[in-house]
Amino acid sequence: MTIQVEEGLARGGTLTLPEIATRPEVAEYTRISVPTLARWASEMPPRGPKFKKAGGRVLYKRQDVLDWIDSLEESA
């Protein structure tokens, strides 16, 4: 399955991702819905960007999100 991220928003647009981002922030940045990110995270093995859980919240490091986007470009 190929996953596409709109490059204009993710790399060339005006939206920036904080160093530590929440799932809604990652969803907005990548234009992938929050439910899709949640479903991918619950699959074994997980898909999507690496994440950590902290106090019941799901958090993403900005670099992990960018690395994941780069990995999609390499496999496309």
N, C-alpha and C. Protein backbone atom coordinates (compact mmCIF):
# COMPACT_ATOMS: atom_id res chain seq x y z
N MET A 1 0.84 -1.18 0.00
CA MET A 1 0.00 0.00 0.00
C MET A 1 0.89 1.24 0.00
N THR A 2 0.58 2.19 -0.85
CA THR A 2 1.34 3.43 -0.92
C THR A 2 0.61 4.50 -0.13
N ILE A 3 1.35 5.21 0.70
CA ILE A 3 0.80 6.30 1.50
C ILE A 3 1.34 7.59 0.92
N GLN A 4 0.46 8.52 0.63
CA GLN A 4 0.90 9.77 0.04
C GLN A 4 0.67 10.92 1.00
N VAL A 5 1.64 11.80 1.08
CA VAL A 5 1.56 13.01 1.89
C VAL A 5 1.69 14.17 0.93
N GLU A 6 0.82 15.16 1.08
CA GLU A 6 0.90 16.32 0.20
C GLU A 6 2.17 17.10 0.49
N GLU A 7 3.08 17.07 -0.44
CA GLU A 7 4.38 17.69 -0.25
C GLU A 7 4.28 19.19 -0.05
N GLY A 8 3.36 19.85 -0.72
CA GLY A 8 3.25 21.29 -0.59
C GLY A 8 3.05 21.72 0.84
N LEU A 9 2.24 20.99 1.57
CA LEU A 9 1.98 21.33 2.95
C LEU A 9 3.09 20.82 3.85
N ALA A 10 3.50 19.58 3.64
CA ALA A 10 4.46 18.97 4.56
C ALA A 10 5.86 19.57 4.46
N ARG A 11 6.29 19.94 3.27
CA ARG A 11 7.66 20.43 3.12
C ARG A 11 7.74 21.89 2.65
N GLY A 12 6.86 22.30 1.77
CA GLY A 12 7.01 23.63 1.19
C GLY A 12 5.99 24.64 1.65
N GLY A 13 5.04 24.23 2.47
CA GLY A 13 3.98 25.14 2.89
C GLY A 13 4.38 25.98 4.09
N THR A 14 3.40 26.64 4.65
CA THR A 14 3.67 27.53 5.77
C THR A 14 3.42 26.88 7.13
N LEU A 15 2.83 25.70 7.15
CA LEU A 15 2.55 25.01 8.40
C LEU A 15 3.83 24.42 8.96
N THR A 16 4.07 24.66 10.25
CA THR A 16 5.25 24.08 10.90
C THR A 16 4.80 23.11 11.98
N LEU A 17 5.64 22.16 12.27
CA LEU A 17 5.37 21.15 13.27
C LEU A 17 6.25 21.42 14.48
N PRO A 18 5.67 21.46 15.70
CA PRO A 18 6.51 21.68 16.88
C PRO A 18 7.49 20.53 17.10
N GLU A 19 8.49 20.77 17.91
CA GLU A 19 9.51 19.74 18.20
C GLU A 19 8.85 18.47 18.75
N ILE A 20 7.88 18.63 19.64
CA ILE A 20 7.08 17.52 20.16
C ILE A 20 5.64 17.84 19.77
N ALA A 21 5.04 16.95 18.97
CA ALA A 21 3.72 17.23 18.41
C ALA A 21 2.68 16.21 18.89
N THR A 22 1.45 16.66 18.98
CA THR A 22 0.33 15.77 19.30
C THR A 22 -0.17 15.12 18.02
N ARG A 23 -1.01 14.12 18.18
CA ARG A 23 -1.56 13.45 17.00
C ARG A 23 -2.36 14.42 16.13
N PRO A 24 -3.21 15.30 16.70
CA PRO A 24 -3.91 16.26 15.83
C PRO A 24 -2.96 17.19 15.07
N GLU A 25 -1.85 17.58 15.68
CA GLU A 25 -0.88 18.43 14.98
C GLU A 25 -0.23 17.68 13.83
N VAL A 26 0.11 16.41 14.06
CA VAL A 26 0.70 15.60 12.99
C VAL A 26 -0.32 15.38 11.88
N ALA A 27 -1.57 15.16 12.26
CA ALA A 27 -2.62 14.97 11.27
C ALA A 27 -2.77 16.22 10.39
N GLU A 28 -2.77 17.38 11.01
CA GLU A 28 -2.89 18.62 10.24
C GLU A 28 -1.68 18.81 9.33
N TYR A 29 -0.50 18.53 9.84
CA TYR A 29 0.73 18.72 9.08
C TYR A 29 0.80 17.79 7.87
N THR A 30 0.40 16.54 8.06
CA THR A 30 0.52 15.55 6.99
C THR A 30 -0.74 15.42 6.14
N ARG A 31 -1.83 16.00 6.62
CA ARG A 31 -3.15 15.85 5.99
C ARG A 31 -3.60 14.39 5.97
N ILE A 32 -3.23 13.69 7.03
CA ILE A 32 -3.71 12.32 7.27
C ILE A 32 -4.58 12.43 8.52
N SER A 33 -5.77 11.87 8.47
CA SER A 33 -6.73 12.08 9.56
C SER A 33 -6.24 11.48 10.89
N VAL A 34 -6.73 12.06 11.97
CA VAL A 34 -6.42 11.56 13.31
C VAL A 34 -6.84 10.09 13.44
N PRO A 35 -8.06 9.72 13.00
CA PRO A 35 -8.43 8.30 13.11
C PRO A 35 -7.50 7.36 12.32
N THR A 36 -7.02 7.81 11.18
CA THR A 36 -6.10 6.97 10.40
C THR A 36 -4.78 6.81 11.14
N LEU A 37 -4.23 7.90 11.68
CA LEU A 37 -2.99 7.79 12.46
C LEU A 37 -3.18 6.87 13.65
N ALA A 38 -4.33 6.96 14.32
CA ALA A 38 -4.61 6.11 15.48
C ALA A 38 -4.72 4.64 15.06
N ARG A 39 -5.38 4.38 13.95
CA ARG A 39 -5.52 3.00 13.47
C ARG A 39 -4.15 2.43 13.12
N TRP A 40 -3.34 3.21 12.40
CA TRP A 40 -2.01 2.73 12.04
C TRP A 40 -1.18 2.42 13.28
N ALA A 41 -1.30 3.26 14.31
CA ALA A 41 -0.51 3.05 15.53
C ALA A 41 -0.93 1.78 16.26
N SER A 42 -2.20 1.37 16.09
CA SER A 42 -2.68 0.18 16.80
C SER A 42 -2.40 -1.11 16.04
N GLU A 43 -1.96 -1.02 14.78
CA GLU A 43 -1.66 -2.21 14.00
C GLU A 43 -0.34 -2.82 14.45
N MET A 44 -0.20 -4.11 14.21
CA MET A 44 1.04 -4.81 14.53
C MET A 44 1.64 -5.34 13.25
N PRO A 45 2.81 -4.91 12.83
CA PRO A 45 3.58 -3.83 13.44
C PRO A 45 2.95 -2.47 13.13
N PRO A 46 3.21 -1.47 13.99
CA PRO A 46 2.63 -0.15 13.76
C PRO A 46 3.10 0.46 12.44
N ARG A 47 2.23 1.24 11.82
CA ARG A 47 2.59 2.00 10.62
C ARG A 47 2.60 3.47 10.99
N GLY A 48 3.07 4.29 10.07
CA GLY A 48 3.10 5.73 10.31
C GLY A 48 4.34 6.13 11.08
N PRO A 49 4.40 7.42 11.46
CA PRO A 49 5.58 7.89 12.19
C PRO A 49 5.70 7.25 13.57
N LYS A 50 6.95 7.15 14.05
CA LYS A 50 7.19 6.66 15.41
C LYS A 50 6.50 7.59 16.39
N PHE A 51 6.04 7.03 17.50
CA PHE A 51 5.37 7.84 18.52
C PHE A 51 5.69 7.28 19.89
N LYS A 52 5.43 8.09 20.91
CA LYS A 52 5.58 7.69 22.31
C LYS A 52 4.28 8.02 23.02
N LYS A 53 4.00 7.28 24.07
CA LYS A 53 2.86 7.59 24.92
C LYS A 53 3.38 8.19 26.22
N ALA A 54 2.75 9.28 26.63
CA ALA A 54 3.16 9.95 27.87
C ALA A 54 1.89 10.42 28.59
N GLY A 55 1.62 9.82 29.73
CA GLY A 55 0.45 10.22 30.49
C GLY A 55 -0.85 10.07 29.72
N GLY A 56 -0.94 9.02 28.91
CA GLY A 56 -2.15 8.79 28.13
C GLY A 56 -2.21 9.56 26.82
N ARG A 57 -1.23 10.41 26.56
CA ARG A 57 -1.20 11.18 25.32
C ARG A 57 -0.21 10.54 24.35
N VAL A 58 -0.52 10.65 23.08
CA VAL A 58 0.38 10.17 22.04
C VAL A 58 1.16 11.37 21.52
N LEU A 59 2.48 11.26 21.54
CA LEU A 59 3.34 12.36 21.11
C LEU A 59 4.31 11.88 20.04
N TYR A 60 4.63 12.79 19.14
CA TYR A 60 5.54 12.50 18.03
C TYR A 60 6.68 13.51 18.05
N LYS A 61 7.91 13.04 17.84
CA LYS A 61 9.03 13.95 17.65
C LYS A 61 8.99 14.45 16.21
N ARG A 62 9.23 15.74 16.03
CA ARG A 62 9.20 16.32 14.69
C ARG A 62 10.12 15.56 13.74
N GLN A 63 11.34 15.24 14.17
CA GLN A 63 12.29 14.57 13.29
C GLN A 63 11.78 13.19 12.88
N ASP A 64 11.09 12.49 13.79
CA ASP A 64 10.53 11.19 13.43
C ASP A 64 9.48 11.32 12.34
N VAL A 65 8.66 12.36 12.42
CA VAL A 65 7.64 12.59 11.39
C VAL A 65 8.31 12.91 10.05
N LEU A 66 9.31 13.79 10.08
CA LEU A 66 10.01 14.14 8.84
C LEU A 66 10.75 12.94 8.26
N ASP A 67 11.37 12.12 9.12
CA ASP A 67 12.05 10.92 8.63
C ASP A 67 11.06 9.95 7.99
N TRP A 68 9.88 9.82 8.60
CA TRP A 68 8.85 8.94 8.04
C TRP A 68 8.41 9.44 6.67
N ILE A 69 8.21 10.76 6.54
CA ILE A 69 7.83 11.32 5.24
C ILE A 69 8.92 11.03 4.21
N ASP A 70 10.17 11.22 4.60
CA ASP A 70 11.29 10.93 3.69
C ASP A 70 11.31 9.46 3.27
N SER A 71 10.99 8.57 4.20
CA SER A 71 10.99 7.15 3.86
C SER A 71 9.91 6.82 2.84
N LEU A 72 8.82 7.57 2.84
CA LEU A 72 7.76 7.35 1.85
C LEU A 72 8.24 7.75 0.47
N GLU A 73 9.01 8.82 0.40
CA GLU A 73 9.55 9.27 -0.88
C GLU A 73 10.49 8.24 -1.46
N GLU A 74 11.29 7.60 -0.62
CA GLU A 74 12.27 6.61 -1.07
C GLU A 74 11.59 5.36 -1.59
N SER A 75 10.46 4.98 -1.00
CA SER A 75 9.80 3.75 -1.42
C SER A 75 8.80 3.97 -2.55
N ALA A 76 8.55 5.21 -2.90
CA ALA A 76 7.55 5.50 -3.96
C ALA A 76 8.11 5.27 -5.33
